[in-house]
Amino acid sequence: MNERNYDYLKDQVKYTGFGEALEGELKQQMEKQQPTFSLKHDAFYGEDKVSAELSFRKSEQTDLYFFNSYKVSLQKEGRPESLEQTFYINKGNNITLKEAYNLMEGRAVNKDLTSREGEVYNAWVSLDFKDTDNNGNFRLNHYHENYGYDLEAAVGKHAIKELENPSHKEDLMNSLKKGNLQSATFIRDGQEVKQYLEANPQFKTVNVYDADKNRLDMRQGKEQQQSEKQGQSAKQGRGQSAKGADEDGPGDEKQKKQRRKAQSM
């Protein structure tokens, strides 16, 4: 067995989201020197079960093995049928297991990709569930940088507490770029409300969900944004009132004069 090849594949499997649990089995299979072999891995995201089968093939000219692809089967609680998709391994372009799950859930993922000419570019990708290739795989939609999707601007249209802290804001943005359905603290009518949001590059916006992860429709979303604006205005108004109280004290002009007179006595 080629030890360098093993170390390379071990890291490749690890950083594609499968951790270190497959290292022993990977080594055993490579030592057998079979033309092909596969490894199986199960993961759970909430109540959803993700089963993956990793495919490896040996070079016909050397003793090197290659990690070619992994097939994912998504089984959701309460649904008898499963959803399947194969993700191919490329240098620097790998979709991680969690990203694969997010894509199969219908969300978009932001990735640095490499063109056939070797040029690196950034794009949002999502699965097109209405279009499949000859292998039965859903095709990928690509929304390149020139498409004009600005995630930060889309999130910034909502009054979200995490945006006030640079570190929390960065964590929020990074999570959304990975395709996660991310919880956030929305300010509505001056109150903090836990809700969820996800990136929607196709429509250059973000989708918002309530605390029970039920998606808010466009009308509800507009009403919520109005409520958030009112909450922000109320918050700013309270701040200005407090500032005025510190400077002059409460009350009308007559009360102010009486107070200043009393202070001068």
Foldseek 3Di string as FASTA:
>chain_A
DDPVLLVVVQVVCCVLAQNNPCSVVSVVVLVVLDQKDWDWDWDDDPQKIKIKIWIKGADPVDSHIDGFKMKIWIDHPPDPHIDIAIFTDDVQFRHHPVLVVLQVVFFKAWGFDADPVGDTFIWIKHFDPVDADPVRHTDIDTCGVVVPQDAVVQVVLFAWPLVVDPVSVVVVVNCQNSNDFDWTWGQFLQDTAIWTWHDDRVVSHIWIAHPVRHTDDPVRVVVRSVRSVNNVVVVVVVVVVVVVCVVQRDDDPVVSVVVVVVVVD
